[in-house]
Amino acid sequence: MKTITSFIVGAAVLTVASISAQAQVPVAGTIDLSGGLTIDSAAPNATTFETFFGPSGTGSPVVQAGGGLPSGSYAGVSGNTVASFSEPFDFATYYAAFKSSTTLPSFELWSFSSGGQTYSFQVDTVTTDSQLVLGGSAFIDIGGTGTADITGGSTTYLPTTAVWSITGTTANASGLTLTLEGSFTAVPEPSTFAFGGLGSLLSIATLRRRK
């Protein structure tokens, strides 16, 4: 009798765990933002994104739409939705920390609201700092890993690991203003899906054994 009682309790716990896992889903998909930015020094010596602004030179960067983007969890976001950026962003410090295997606090890079949900992105690491001056033009490619999050709405999302890049170009190699193209792609880890599946399988296996 004691064995049966213990077995039923175990089944209940596994079932609850499975339901909890299914109620939370990771963020997935890609969103691109466009506009402009200023840097503290001309490439190839820039260390900081000083300010971010919209495609017209005013306001804030906006969501790009078309060509299948935004996608995944971002698919419902309308093009030209305005994103609020935190500034300045000292990417060189994060890149130096990455090279020395040092961990820095995450940097809340941008956020916006759309359709009753709040979308946000924080930078965790900068793993790429590529700056090039060629033919009178300057090119910058800064990127790394971060965390994407979506709150509000009927779906509960898990903060999800993401890869990001901010690229900038200017026809004036000595200029400090660049055209911004930012890409942010949430990449759910396989273990996130495995947890939900494992909970369901264990619950089913337990219930079958009870019969």
N, C-alpha and C. Protein backbone atom coordinates (compact mmCIF):
# COMPACT_ATOMS: atom_id res chain seq x y z
N MET A 1 0.83 -1.21 0.00
CA MET A 1 0.00 0.00 0.00
C MET A 1 0.86 1.25 0.00
N LYS A 2 1.96 1.29 0.77
CA LYS A 2 2.84 2.45 0.82
C LYS A 2 3.46 2.71 -0.55
N THR A 3 3.80 1.64 -1.25
CA THR A 3 4.42 1.82 -2.57
C THR A 3 3.45 2.47 -3.55
N ILE A 4 2.19 2.08 -3.52
CA ILE A 4 1.19 2.66 -4.41
C ILE A 4 0.98 4.14 -4.11
N THR A 5 0.89 4.50 -2.82
CA THR A 5 0.70 5.90 -2.44
C THR A 5 1.86 6.76 -2.94
N SER A 6 3.07 6.33 -2.75
CA SER A 6 4.26 7.06 -3.19
C SER A 6 4.26 7.22 -4.70
N PHE A 7 3.81 6.21 -5.39
CA PHE A 7 3.81 6.21 -6.85
C PHE A 7 2.82 7.23 -7.40
N ILE A 8 1.68 7.37 -6.79
CA ILE A 8 0.66 8.32 -7.22
C ILE A 8 1.15 9.74 -7.01
N VAL A 9 1.79 10.02 -5.89
CA VAL A 9 2.33 11.34 -5.61
C VAL A 9 3.37 11.72 -6.65
N GLY A 10 4.23 10.75 -6.99
CA GLY A 10 5.26 11.00 -8.00
C GLY A 10 4.65 11.36 -9.33
N ALA A 11 3.57 10.68 -9.71
CA ALA A 11 2.91 10.97 -10.98
C ALA A 11 2.34 12.38 -10.99
N ALA A 12 1.77 12.81 -9.87
CA ALA A 12 1.19 14.15 -9.78
C ALA A 12 2.26 15.21 -9.93
N VAL A 13 3.40 15.00 -9.30
CA VAL A 13 4.49 15.98 -9.38
C VAL A 13 4.99 16.11 -10.80
N LEU A 14 5.18 14.99 -11.47
CA LEU A 14 5.68 15.00 -12.84
C LEU A 14 4.69 15.66 -13.79
N THR A 15 3.42 15.44 -13.55
CA THR A 15 2.39 16.05 -14.40
C THR A 15 2.39 17.57 -14.24
N VAL A 16 2.50 18.05 -13.01
CA VAL A 16 2.56 19.48 -12.76
C VAL A 16 3.78 20.09 -13.43
N ALA A 17 4.92 19.41 -13.33
CA ALA A 17 6.15 19.91 -13.95
C ALA A 17 5.98 20.01 -15.46
N SER A 18 5.29 19.03 -16.03
CA SER A 18 5.08 19.03 -17.48
C SER A 18 4.19 20.19 -17.89
N ILE A 19 3.13 20.44 -17.14
CA ILE A 19 2.22 21.53 -17.45
C ILE A 19 2.94 22.86 -17.36
N SER A 20 3.78 23.01 -16.31
CA SER A 20 4.53 24.25 -16.12
C SER A 20 5.47 24.51 -17.28
N ALA A 21 6.13 23.45 -17.75
CA ALA A 21 7.08 23.60 -18.85
C ALA A 21 6.36 23.99 -20.14
N GLN A 22 5.18 23.41 -20.35
CA GLN A 22 4.44 23.70 -21.57
C GLN A 22 3.87 25.11 -21.57
N ALA A 23 3.63 25.69 -20.38
CA ALA A 23 3.04 27.01 -20.28
C ALA A 23 4.04 28.11 -20.59
N GLN A 24 5.33 27.80 -20.57
CA GLN A 24 6.36 28.78 -20.86
C GLN A 24 7.11 28.36 -22.11
N VAL A 25 7.21 29.27 -23.07
CA VAL A 25 7.89 28.94 -24.32
C VAL A 25 9.04 29.91 -24.53
N PRO A 26 10.11 29.46 -25.17
CA PRO A 26 11.24 30.35 -25.44
C PRO A 26 10.91 31.32 -26.57
N VAL A 27 11.58 32.44 -26.56
CA VAL A 27 11.48 33.38 -27.66
C VAL A 27 12.23 32.80 -28.85
N ALA A 28 11.66 32.93 -30.04
CA ALA A 28 12.32 32.42 -31.25
C ALA A 28 12.08 33.41 -32.38
N GLY A 29 13.03 33.47 -33.31
CA GLY A 29 12.84 34.33 -34.48
C GLY A 29 13.84 35.46 -34.54
N THR A 30 13.70 36.27 -35.58
CA THR A 30 14.64 37.37 -35.84
C THR A 30 13.89 38.69 -36.03
N ILE A 31 14.49 39.75 -35.51
CA ILE A 31 13.94 41.08 -35.71
C ILE A 31 15.10 42.01 -36.08
N ASP A 32 14.88 42.88 -37.07
CA ASP A 32 15.89 43.83 -37.51
C ASP A 32 15.43 45.25 -37.20
N LEU A 33 16.36 46.08 -36.78
CA LEU A 33 16.07 47.48 -36.50
C LEU A 33 16.97 48.36 -37.37
N SER A 34 16.44 49.47 -37.82
CA SER A 34 17.23 50.35 -38.68
C SER A 34 17.14 51.79 -38.20
N GLY A 35 18.12 52.58 -38.61
CA GLY A 35 18.17 53.97 -38.23
C GLY A 35 19.58 54.48 -38.39
N GLY A 36 20.06 55.22 -37.40
CA GLY A 36 21.41 55.74 -37.43
C GLY A 36 22.01 55.75 -36.05
N LEU A 37 23.32 55.98 -35.97
CA LEU A 37 24.00 56.05 -34.68
C LEU A 37 25.23 56.93 -34.81
N THR A 38 25.67 57.41 -33.66
CA THR A 38 26.92 58.15 -33.63
C THR A 38 27.92 57.39 -32.77
N ILE A 39 29.19 57.55 -33.09
CA ILE A 39 30.26 56.88 -32.36
C ILE A 39 31.19 57.92 -31.75
N ASP A 40 31.96 57.51 -30.75
CA ASP A 40 32.80 58.46 -30.03
C ASP A 40 34.05 58.85 -30.81
N SER A 41 34.54 57.95 -31.66
CA SER A 41 35.72 58.22 -32.48
C SER A 41 35.52 57.57 -33.84
N ALA A 42 36.12 58.16 -34.86
CA ALA A 42 35.98 57.59 -36.19
C ALA A 42 36.59 56.20 -36.26
N ALA A 43 35.97 55.33 -37.06
CA ALA A 43 36.53 54.00 -37.27
C ALA A 43 37.94 54.14 -37.87
N PRO A 44 38.87 53.27 -37.49
CA PRO A 44 38.68 52.02 -36.75
C PRO A 44 38.91 52.14 -35.26
N ASN A 45 38.70 53.32 -34.68
CA ASN A 45 39.02 53.53 -33.26
C ASN A 45 37.80 53.76 -32.38
N ALA A 46 36.62 53.48 -32.88
CA ALA A 46 35.41 53.69 -32.09
C ALA A 46 35.35 52.70 -30.93
N THR A 47 34.83 53.16 -29.81
CA THR A 47 34.67 52.30 -28.63
C THR A 47 33.26 52.33 -28.07
N THR A 48 32.49 53.35 -28.48
CA THR A 48 31.17 53.56 -27.87
C THR A 48 30.14 54.01 -28.89
N PHE A 49 28.94 53.44 -28.80
CA PHE A 49 27.80 53.98 -29.53
C PHE A 49 27.22 55.08 -28.65
N GLU A 50 27.39 56.33 -29.07
CA GLU A 50 27.00 57.45 -28.24
C GLU A 50 25.49 57.68 -28.25
N THR A 51 24.90 57.70 -29.45
CA THR A 51 23.47 57.94 -29.58
C THR A 51 22.89 57.06 -30.69
N PHE A 52 21.59 56.79 -30.59
CA PHE A 52 20.86 56.05 -31.62
C PHE A 52 19.69 56.93 -32.07
N PHE A 53 19.36 56.91 -33.37
CA PHE A 53 18.25 57.71 -33.86
C PHE A 53 17.57 57.02 -35.04
N GLY A 54 16.43 57.55 -35.42
CA GLY A 54 15.62 56.93 -36.46
C GLY A 54 16.13 57.18 -37.87
N PRO A 55 15.53 56.50 -38.86
CA PRO A 55 15.96 56.62 -40.25
C PRO A 55 15.91 58.05 -40.79
N SER A 56 15.01 58.87 -40.25
CA SER A 56 14.88 60.25 -40.73
C SER A 56 15.86 61.19 -40.05
N GLY A 57 16.64 60.66 -39.12
CA GLY A 57 17.59 61.50 -38.39
C GLY A 57 17.06 61.98 -37.06
N THR A 58 15.79 61.69 -36.77
CA THR A 58 15.18 62.07 -35.49
C THR A 58 14.52 60.84 -34.87
N GLY A 59 14.08 60.99 -33.63
CA GLY A 59 13.40 59.88 -32.96
C GLY A 59 14.34 58.73 -32.65
N SER A 60 13.81 57.50 -32.69
CA SER A 60 14.57 56.31 -32.36
C SER A 60 14.56 55.32 -33.51
N PRO A 61 15.47 54.34 -33.51
CA PRO A 61 15.46 53.29 -34.55
C PRO A 61 14.11 52.60 -34.61
N VAL A 62 13.79 52.02 -35.76
CA VAL A 62 12.49 51.39 -35.97
C VAL A 62 12.64 49.96 -36.47
N VAL A 63 11.58 49.20 -36.29
CA VAL A 63 11.55 47.81 -36.74
C VAL A 63 11.43 47.76 -38.27
N GLN A 64 12.27 46.95 -38.89
CA GLN A 64 12.18 46.73 -40.33
C GLN A 64 11.18 45.61 -40.60
N ALA A 65 10.44 45.72 -41.69
CA ALA A 65 9.49 44.67 -42.07
C ALA A 65 9.65 44.37 -43.54
N GLY A 66 9.35 43.11 -43.91
CA GLY A 66 9.48 42.69 -45.30
C GLY A 66 10.52 41.61 -45.46
N GLY A 67 10.37 40.82 -46.50
CA GLY A 67 11.33 39.74 -46.74
C GLY A 67 11.30 38.65 -45.69
N GLY A 68 10.15 38.44 -45.05
CA GLY A 68 10.04 37.39 -44.04
C GLY A 68 10.38 37.81 -42.64
N LEU A 69 10.71 39.09 -42.45
CA LEU A 69 11.04 39.59 -41.13
C LEU A 69 10.07 40.70 -40.73
N PRO A 70 9.78 40.85 -39.44
CA PRO A 70 10.18 40.02 -38.32
C PRO A 70 9.62 38.59 -38.43
N SER A 71 10.23 37.66 -37.71
CA SER A 71 9.79 36.27 -37.79
C SER A 71 9.64 35.67 -36.40
N GLY A 72 9.05 34.46 -36.36
CA GLY A 72 8.91 33.74 -35.10
C GLY A 72 8.07 34.49 -34.10
N SER A 73 8.57 34.63 -32.89
CA SER A 73 7.85 35.31 -31.82
C SER A 73 7.66 36.79 -32.10
N TYR A 74 8.43 37.34 -33.04
CA TYR A 74 8.33 38.76 -33.38
C TYR A 74 7.41 39.02 -34.58
N ALA A 75 6.86 37.98 -35.15
CA ALA A 75 6.12 38.09 -36.42
C ALA A 75 4.97 39.10 -36.36
N GLY A 76 4.37 39.30 -35.20
CA GLY A 76 3.23 40.20 -35.11
C GLY A 76 3.60 41.67 -34.96
N VAL A 77 4.90 41.96 -34.88
CA VAL A 77 5.32 43.36 -34.71
C VAL A 77 5.27 44.09 -36.05
N SER A 78 4.63 45.24 -36.06
CA SER A 78 4.48 46.01 -37.30
C SER A 78 5.77 46.74 -37.66
N GLY A 79 5.99 46.88 -38.96
CA GLY A 79 7.13 47.65 -39.42
C GLY A 79 7.04 49.09 -38.95
N ASN A 80 8.19 49.72 -38.71
CA ASN A 80 8.30 51.10 -38.24
C ASN A 80 7.90 51.29 -36.79
N THR A 81 7.70 50.18 -36.06
CA THR A 81 7.50 50.30 -34.61
C THR A 81 8.77 50.88 -34.01
N VAL A 82 8.62 51.89 -33.18
CA VAL A 82 9.78 52.60 -32.62
C VAL A 82 10.34 51.86 -31.41
N ALA A 83 11.66 51.68 -31.40
CA ALA A 83 12.34 51.03 -30.28
C ALA A 83 13.15 52.05 -29.49
N SER A 84 13.09 51.95 -28.18
CA SER A 84 13.84 52.85 -27.32
C SER A 84 15.19 52.21 -26.97
N PHE A 85 16.29 52.88 -27.33
CA PHE A 85 17.63 52.37 -27.06
C PHE A 85 18.23 53.05 -25.83
N SER A 86 19.00 52.27 -25.06
CA SER A 86 19.77 52.84 -23.96
C SER A 86 21.09 53.35 -24.53
N GLU A 87 21.53 54.48 -24.06
CA GLU A 87 22.76 55.06 -24.59
C GLU A 87 23.47 55.84 -23.48
N PRO A 88 24.80 55.94 -23.56
CA PRO A 88 25.69 55.33 -24.55
C PRO A 88 25.93 53.85 -24.24
N PHE A 89 26.40 53.10 -25.24
CA PHE A 89 26.75 51.70 -25.07
C PHE A 89 28.24 51.53 -25.36
N ASP A 90 29.00 51.27 -24.31
CA ASP A 90 30.45 51.10 -24.41
C ASP A 90 30.76 49.65 -24.80
N PHE A 91 30.72 49.37 -26.11
CA PHE A 91 30.92 47.99 -26.56
C PHE A 91 32.36 47.53 -26.39
N ALA A 92 33.32 48.45 -26.42
CA ALA A 92 34.73 48.07 -26.29
C ALA A 92 35.03 47.44 -24.94
N THR A 93 34.38 47.93 -23.89
CA THR A 93 34.58 47.38 -22.55
C THR A 93 34.09 45.94 -22.49
N TYR A 94 32.94 45.67 -23.12
CA TYR A 94 32.40 44.32 -23.14
C TYR A 94 33.27 43.39 -23.99
N TYR A 95 33.81 43.92 -25.06
CA TYR A 95 34.69 43.11 -25.91
C TYR A 95 35.97 42.76 -25.17
N ALA A 96 36.54 43.71 -24.44
CA ALA A 96 37.75 43.45 -23.66
C ALA A 96 37.46 42.42 -22.57
N ALA A 97 36.27 42.51 -21.96
CA ALA A 97 35.90 41.55 -20.93
C ALA A 97 35.79 40.14 -21.52
N PHE A 98 35.21 40.05 -22.71
CA PHE A 98 35.09 38.75 -23.37
C PHE A 98 36.47 38.15 -23.65
N LYS A 99 37.40 38.96 -24.13
CA LYS A 99 38.73 38.47 -24.45
C LYS A 99 39.51 38.02 -23.22
N SER A 100 39.18 38.62 -22.08
CA SER A 100 39.87 38.25 -20.84
C SER A 100 39.06 37.29 -19.97
N SER A 101 37.96 36.76 -20.55
CA SER A 101 37.08 35.81 -19.83
C SER A 101 36.50 36.42 -18.56
N THR A 102 36.17 37.70 -18.63
CA THR A 102 35.56 38.40 -17.51
C THR A 102 34.07 38.61 -17.80
N THR A 103 33.25 38.48 -16.77
CA THR A 103 31.81 38.66 -16.94
C THR A 103 31.39 40.04 -16.44
N LEU A 104 30.66 40.77 -17.27
CA LEU A 104 30.14 42.08 -16.89
C LEU A 104 28.62 42.00 -16.73
N PRO A 105 28.02 42.92 -15.98
CA PRO A 105 26.56 42.95 -15.87
C PRO A 105 25.94 43.17 -17.26
N SER A 106 24.78 42.58 -17.49
CA SER A 106 24.11 42.74 -18.78
C SER A 106 23.71 44.19 -19.00
N PHE A 107 23.69 44.59 -20.27
CA PHE A 107 23.33 45.96 -20.64
C PHE A 107 21.99 45.94 -21.36
N GLU A 108 20.99 46.64 -20.82
CA GLU A 108 19.67 46.70 -21.44
C GLU A 108 19.75 47.59 -22.67
N LEU A 109 19.79 46.98 -23.86
CA LEU A 109 20.05 47.73 -25.08
C LEU A 109 18.80 48.42 -25.64
N TRP A 110 17.70 47.68 -25.80
CA TRP A 110 16.49 48.29 -26.35
C TRP A 110 15.23 47.61 -25.85
N SER A 111 14.12 48.32 -26.02
CA SER A 111 12.80 47.76 -25.68
C SER A 111 11.74 48.54 -26.45
N PHE A 112 10.60 47.90 -26.65
CA PHE A 112 9.44 48.57 -27.25
C PHE A 112 8.19 47.76 -26.93
N SER A 113 7.05 48.40 -27.08
CA SER A 113 5.77 47.73 -26.85
C SER A 113 4.99 47.67 -28.15
N SER A 114 4.30 46.54 -28.35
CA SER A 114 3.49 46.34 -29.56
C SER A 114 2.44 45.28 -29.28
N GLY A 115 1.21 45.57 -29.62
CA GLY A 115 0.14 44.59 -29.46
C GLY A 115 -0.05 44.10 -28.04
N GLY A 116 0.16 44.96 -27.05
CA GLY A 116 -0.03 44.57 -25.66
C GLY A 116 1.13 43.81 -25.05
N GLN A 117 2.22 43.66 -25.80
CA GLN A 117 3.40 42.97 -25.29
C GLN A 117 4.59 43.91 -25.27
N THR A 118 5.51 43.65 -24.35
CA THR A 118 6.75 44.42 -24.27
C THR A 118 7.91 43.54 -24.69
N TYR A 119 8.66 43.99 -25.66
CA TYR A 119 9.80 43.27 -26.21
C TYR A 119 11.08 43.97 -25.73
N SER A 120 12.05 43.19 -25.30
CA SER A 120 13.29 43.80 -24.82
C SER A 120 14.49 42.92 -25.15
N PHE A 121 15.66 43.56 -25.15
CA PHE A 121 16.89 42.84 -25.45
C PHE A 121 18.01 43.40 -24.61
N GLN A 122 18.77 42.48 -23.99
CA GLN A 122 19.93 42.91 -23.22
C GLN A 122 21.19 42.25 -23.77
N VAL A 123 22.26 43.01 -23.83
CA VAL A 123 23.55 42.50 -24.28
C VAL A 123 24.25 41.83 -23.11
N ASP A 124 24.69 40.60 -23.32
CA ASP A 124 25.46 39.88 -22.31
C ASP A 124 26.95 39.89 -22.63
N THR A 125 27.29 39.71 -23.91
CA THR A 125 28.70 39.72 -24.30
C THR A 125 28.86 40.41 -25.66
N VAL A 126 30.04 40.92 -25.90
CA VAL A 126 30.46 41.41 -27.22
C VAL A 126 31.62 40.52 -27.65
N THR A 127 31.38 39.72 -28.67
CA THR A 127 32.39 38.77 -29.13
C THR A 127 33.04 39.18 -30.45
N THR A 128 32.49 40.22 -31.09
CA THR A 128 33.04 40.71 -32.36
C THR A 128 33.15 42.22 -32.33
N ASP A 129 34.33 42.73 -32.65
CA ASP A 129 34.55 44.17 -32.80
C ASP A 129 35.39 44.34 -34.06
N SER A 130 34.71 44.51 -35.18
CA SER A 130 35.37 44.61 -36.47
C SER A 130 35.14 45.99 -37.07
N GLN A 131 36.21 46.74 -37.31
CA GLN A 131 36.11 48.09 -37.86
C GLN A 131 37.09 48.22 -39.02
N LEU A 132 36.60 48.76 -40.12
CA LEU A 132 37.40 48.79 -41.34
C LEU A 132 37.16 50.10 -42.08
N VAL A 133 38.24 50.68 -42.58
CA VAL A 133 38.15 51.86 -43.45
C VAL A 133 38.70 51.46 -44.81
N LEU A 134 37.84 51.60 -45.82
CA LEU A 134 38.22 51.14 -47.15
C LEU A 134 37.62 52.05 -48.21
N GLY A 135 38.45 52.54 -49.11
CA GLY A 135 37.96 53.36 -50.21
C GLY A 135 37.22 54.60 -49.77
N GLY A 136 37.62 55.19 -48.66
CA GLY A 136 36.97 56.41 -48.18
C GLY A 136 35.71 56.18 -47.37
N SER A 137 35.33 54.92 -47.20
CA SER A 137 34.14 54.58 -46.40
C SER A 137 34.55 53.81 -45.15
N ALA A 138 33.74 53.92 -44.13
CA ALA A 138 34.00 53.21 -42.88
C ALA A 138 32.93 52.16 -42.66
N PHE A 139 33.33 51.03 -42.10
CA PHE A 139 32.42 49.93 -41.82
C PHE A 139 32.67 49.44 -40.39
N ILE A 140 31.59 49.19 -39.66
CA ILE A 140 31.67 48.69 -38.30
C ILE A 140 30.74 47.50 -38.15
N ASP A 141 31.22 46.45 -37.49
CA ASP A 141 30.40 45.27 -37.20
C ASP A 141 30.68 44.87 -35.76
N ILE A 142 29.72 45.13 -34.89
CA ILE A 142 29.83 44.79 -33.47
C ILE A 142 28.76 43.77 -33.14
N GLY A 143 29.10 42.69 -32.46
CA GLY A 143 28.09 41.66 -32.18
C GLY A 143 28.48 40.77 -31.03
N GLY A 144 27.56 39.88 -30.67
CA GLY A 144 27.83 38.96 -29.57
C GLY A 144 26.59 38.18 -29.18
N THR A 145 26.44 37.94 -27.89
CA THR A 145 25.29 37.19 -27.38
C THR A 145 24.50 38.07 -26.43
N GLY A 146 23.26 37.70 -26.24
CA GLY A 146 22.40 38.47 -25.35
C GLY A 146 21.20 37.67 -24.92
N THR A 147 20.22 38.35 -24.35
CA THR A 147 19.01 37.70 -23.88
C THR A 147 17.79 38.45 -24.40
N ALA A 148 16.92 37.73 -25.10
CA ALA A 148 15.69 38.30 -25.62
C ALA A 148 14.54 37.95 -24.68
N ASP A 149 13.63 38.90 -24.48
CA ASP A 149 12.50 38.64 -23.58
C ASP A 149 11.25 39.32 -24.13
N ILE A 150 10.11 38.68 -23.89
CA ILE A 150 8.80 39.22 -24.28
C ILE A 150 7.87 39.02 -23.09
N THR A 151 7.24 40.08 -22.63
CA THR A 151 6.32 39.98 -21.50
C THR A 151 4.96 40.54 -21.90
N GLY A 152 3.92 40.13 -21.14
CA GLY A 152 2.57 40.56 -21.44
C GLY A 152 1.93 39.62 -22.46
N GLY A 153 0.65 39.80 -22.71
CA GLY A 153 -0.03 38.94 -23.67
C GLY A 153 -0.42 37.61 -23.07
N SER A 154 -0.96 36.74 -23.90
CA SER A 154 -1.48 35.45 -23.43
C SER A 154 -0.41 34.37 -23.32
N THR A 155 0.74 34.58 -23.92
CA THR A 155 1.82 33.59 -23.89
C THR A 155 2.89 34.03 -22.91
N THR A 156 3.35 33.09 -22.09
CA THR A 156 4.43 33.37 -21.15
C THR A 156 5.75 32.92 -21.78
N TYR A 157 6.63 33.87 -22.04
CA TYR A 157 7.90 33.56 -22.68
C TYR A 157 9.03 33.44 -21.66
N LEU A 158 9.96 32.56 -21.96
CA LEU A 158 11.17 32.44 -21.17
C LEU A 158 12.23 33.37 -21.74
N PRO A 159 12.99 34.07 -20.88
CA PRO A 159 14.14 34.82 -21.40
C PRO A 159 15.03 33.85 -22.17
N THR A 160 15.42 34.22 -23.38
CA THR A 160 16.07 33.28 -24.29
C THR A 160 17.40 33.83 -24.81
N THR A 161 18.40 32.96 -24.86
CA THR A 161 19.69 33.34 -25.41
C THR A 161 19.55 33.77 -26.87
N ALA A 162 20.23 34.82 -27.25
CA ALA A 162 20.11 35.35 -28.60
C ALA A 162 21.48 35.81 -29.12
N VAL A 163 21.60 35.85 -30.43
CA VAL A 163 22.79 36.42 -31.05
C VAL A 163 22.40 37.75 -31.67
N TRP A 164 23.30 38.71 -31.67
CA TRP A 164 22.98 40.04 -32.15
C TRP A 164 24.17 40.64 -32.88
N SER A 165 23.87 41.61 -33.74
CA SER A 165 24.93 42.37 -34.38
C SER A 165 24.42 43.76 -34.70
N ILE A 166 25.29 44.72 -34.58
CA ILE A 166 25.00 46.09 -34.99
C ILE A 166 26.05 46.46 -36.01
N THR A 167 25.62 46.73 -37.22
CA THR A 167 26.54 47.13 -38.28
C THR A 167 26.28 48.58 -38.64
N GLY A 168 27.36 49.29 -38.95
CA GLY A 168 27.24 50.69 -39.32
C GLY A 168 28.12 51.00 -40.51
N THR A 169 27.64 51.86 -41.38
CA THR A 169 28.41 52.26 -42.55
C THR A 169 28.31 53.77 -42.75
N THR A 170 29.34 54.35 -43.33
CA THR A 170 29.31 55.76 -43.68
C THR A 170 30.23 55.99 -44.87
N ALA A 171 29.83 56.89 -45.74
CA ALA A 171 30.64 57.21 -46.91
C ALA A 171 31.79 58.13 -46.55
N ASN A 172 31.75 58.66 -45.33
CA ASN A 172 32.79 59.56 -44.85
C ASN A 172 33.62 58.83 -43.80
N ALA A 173 34.81 58.38 -44.16
CA ALA A 173 35.61 57.57 -43.25
C ALA A 173 35.97 58.30 -41.96
N SER A 174 36.00 59.63 -42.00
CA SER A 174 36.35 60.38 -40.79
C SER A 174 35.12 60.84 -40.02
N GLY A 175 33.94 60.44 -40.51
CA GLY A 175 32.70 60.86 -39.86
C GLY A 175 32.38 60.03 -38.63
N LEU A 176 31.49 60.58 -37.80
CA LEU A 176 31.09 59.90 -36.57
C LEU A 176 29.62 59.48 -36.60
N THR A 177 28.96 59.66 -37.72
CA THR A 177 27.56 59.26 -37.88
C THR A 177 27.48 58.14 -38.91
N LEU A 178 26.81 57.04 -38.53
CA LEU A 178 26.72 55.87 -39.39
C LEU A 178 25.28 55.43 -39.55
N THR A 179 25.01 54.73 -40.65
CA THR A 179 23.71 54.11 -40.86
C THR A 179 23.64 52.82 -40.05
N LEU A 180 22.61 52.70 -39.26
CA LEU A 180 22.47 51.55 -38.36
C LEU A 180 21.66 50.43 -38.98
N GLU A 181 22.18 49.22 -38.90
CA GLU A 181 21.44 48.01 -39.24
C GLU A 181 21.67 47.02 -38.09
N GLY A 182 20.65 46.78 -37.30
CA GLY A 182 20.80 45.87 -36.16
C GLY A 182 19.96 44.63 -36.34
N SER A 183 20.56 43.46 -36.14
CA SER A 183 19.84 42.19 -36.28
C SER A 183 19.92 41.42 -34.97
N PHE A 184 18.77 40.91 -34.51
CA PHE A 184 18.69 40.20 -33.23
C PHE A 184 17.91 38.91 -33.43
N THR A 185 18.56 37.79 -33.19
CA THR A 185 17.97 36.47 -33.44
C THR A 185 17.97 35.64 -32.17
N ALA A 186 16.78 35.30 -31.69
CA ALA A 186 16.66 34.45 -30.50
C ALA A 186 16.84 33.00 -30.90
N VAL A 187 17.69 32.29 -30.16
CA VAL A 187 18.00 30.89 -30.49
C VAL A 187 17.73 30.02 -29.26
N PRO A 188 16.52 29.43 -29.17
CA PRO A 188 16.21 28.57 -28.02
C PRO A 188 17.18 27.39 -27.93
N GLU A 189 17.65 27.12 -26.72
CA GLU A 189 18.54 25.98 -26.53
C GLU A 189 17.74 24.69 -26.59
N PRO A 190 18.31 23.62 -27.15
CA PRO A 190 17.60 22.33 -27.24
C PRO A 190 17.09 21.84 -25.89
N SER A 191 17.83 22.15 -24.82
CA SER A 191 17.43 21.67 -23.50
C SER A 191 16.10 22.27 -23.06
N THR A 192 15.77 23.47 -23.58
CA THR A 192 14.50 24.11 -23.22
C THR A 192 13.33 23.27 -23.70
N PHE A 193 13.43 22.75 -24.94
CA PHE A 193 12.37 21.90 -25.46
C PHE A 193 12.40 20.52 -24.81
N ALA A 194 13.59 20.04 -24.54
CA ALA A 194 13.73 18.69 -23.98
C ALA A 194 13.06 18.58 -22.62
N PHE A 195 13.09 19.66 -21.82
CA PHE A 195 12.51 19.62 -20.50
C PHE A 195 11.01 19.36 -20.57
N GLY A 196 10.33 20.09 -21.45
CA GLY A 196 8.89 19.90 -21.59
C GLY A 196 8.56 18.50 -22.06
N GLY A 197 9.31 18.01 -23.04
CA GLY A 197 9.07 16.68 -23.57
C GLY A 197 9.34 15.61 -22.55
N LEU A 198 10.40 15.78 -21.77
CA LEU A 198 10.77 14.78 -20.78
C LEU A 198 9.70 14.69 -19.70
N GLY A 199 9.18 15.86 -19.27
CA GLY A 199 8.15 15.85 -18.24
C GLY A 199 6.93 15.10 -18.71
N SER A 200 6.52 15.29 -19.96
CA SER A 200 5.34 14.62 -20.49
C SER A 200 5.56 13.13 -20.59
N LEU A 201 6.73 12.72 -21.07
CA LEU A 201 7.01 11.30 -21.23
C LEU A 201 7.05 10.58 -19.89
N LEU A 202 7.65 11.24 -18.89
CA LEU A 202 7.73 10.61 -17.57
C LEU A 202 6.34 10.46 -16.97
N SER A 203 5.48 11.45 -17.16
CA SER A 203 4.12 11.38 -16.63
C SER A 203 3.34 10.25 -17.29
N ILE A 204 3.48 10.12 -18.61
CA ILE A 204 2.78 9.06 -19.34
C ILE A 204 3.27 7.70 -18.90
N ALA A 205 4.59 7.57 -18.75
CA ALA A 205 5.16 6.29 -18.34
C ALA A 205 4.68 5.90 -16.95
N THR A 206 4.57 6.87 -16.06
CA THR A 206 4.12 6.61 -14.71
C THR A 206 2.67 6.17 -14.69
N LEU A 207 1.84 6.86 -15.46
CA LEU A 207 0.43 6.52 -15.48
C LEU A 207 0.20 5.14 -16.07
N ARG A 208 0.97 4.77 -17.09
CA ARG A 208 0.81 3.44 -17.67
C ARG A 208 1.18 2.36 -16.67
N ARG A 209 2.17 2.62 -15.88
CA ARG A 209 2.62 1.62 -14.91
C ARG A 209 1.58 1.40 -13.81
N ARG A 210 0.77 2.42 -13.58
CA ARG A 210 -0.24 2.30 -12.53
C ARG A 210 -1.36 1.36 -12.92
N LYS A 211 -1.61 1.19 -14.22
CA LYS A 211 -2.76 0.39 -14.65
C LYS A 211 -2.58 -1.09 -14.28
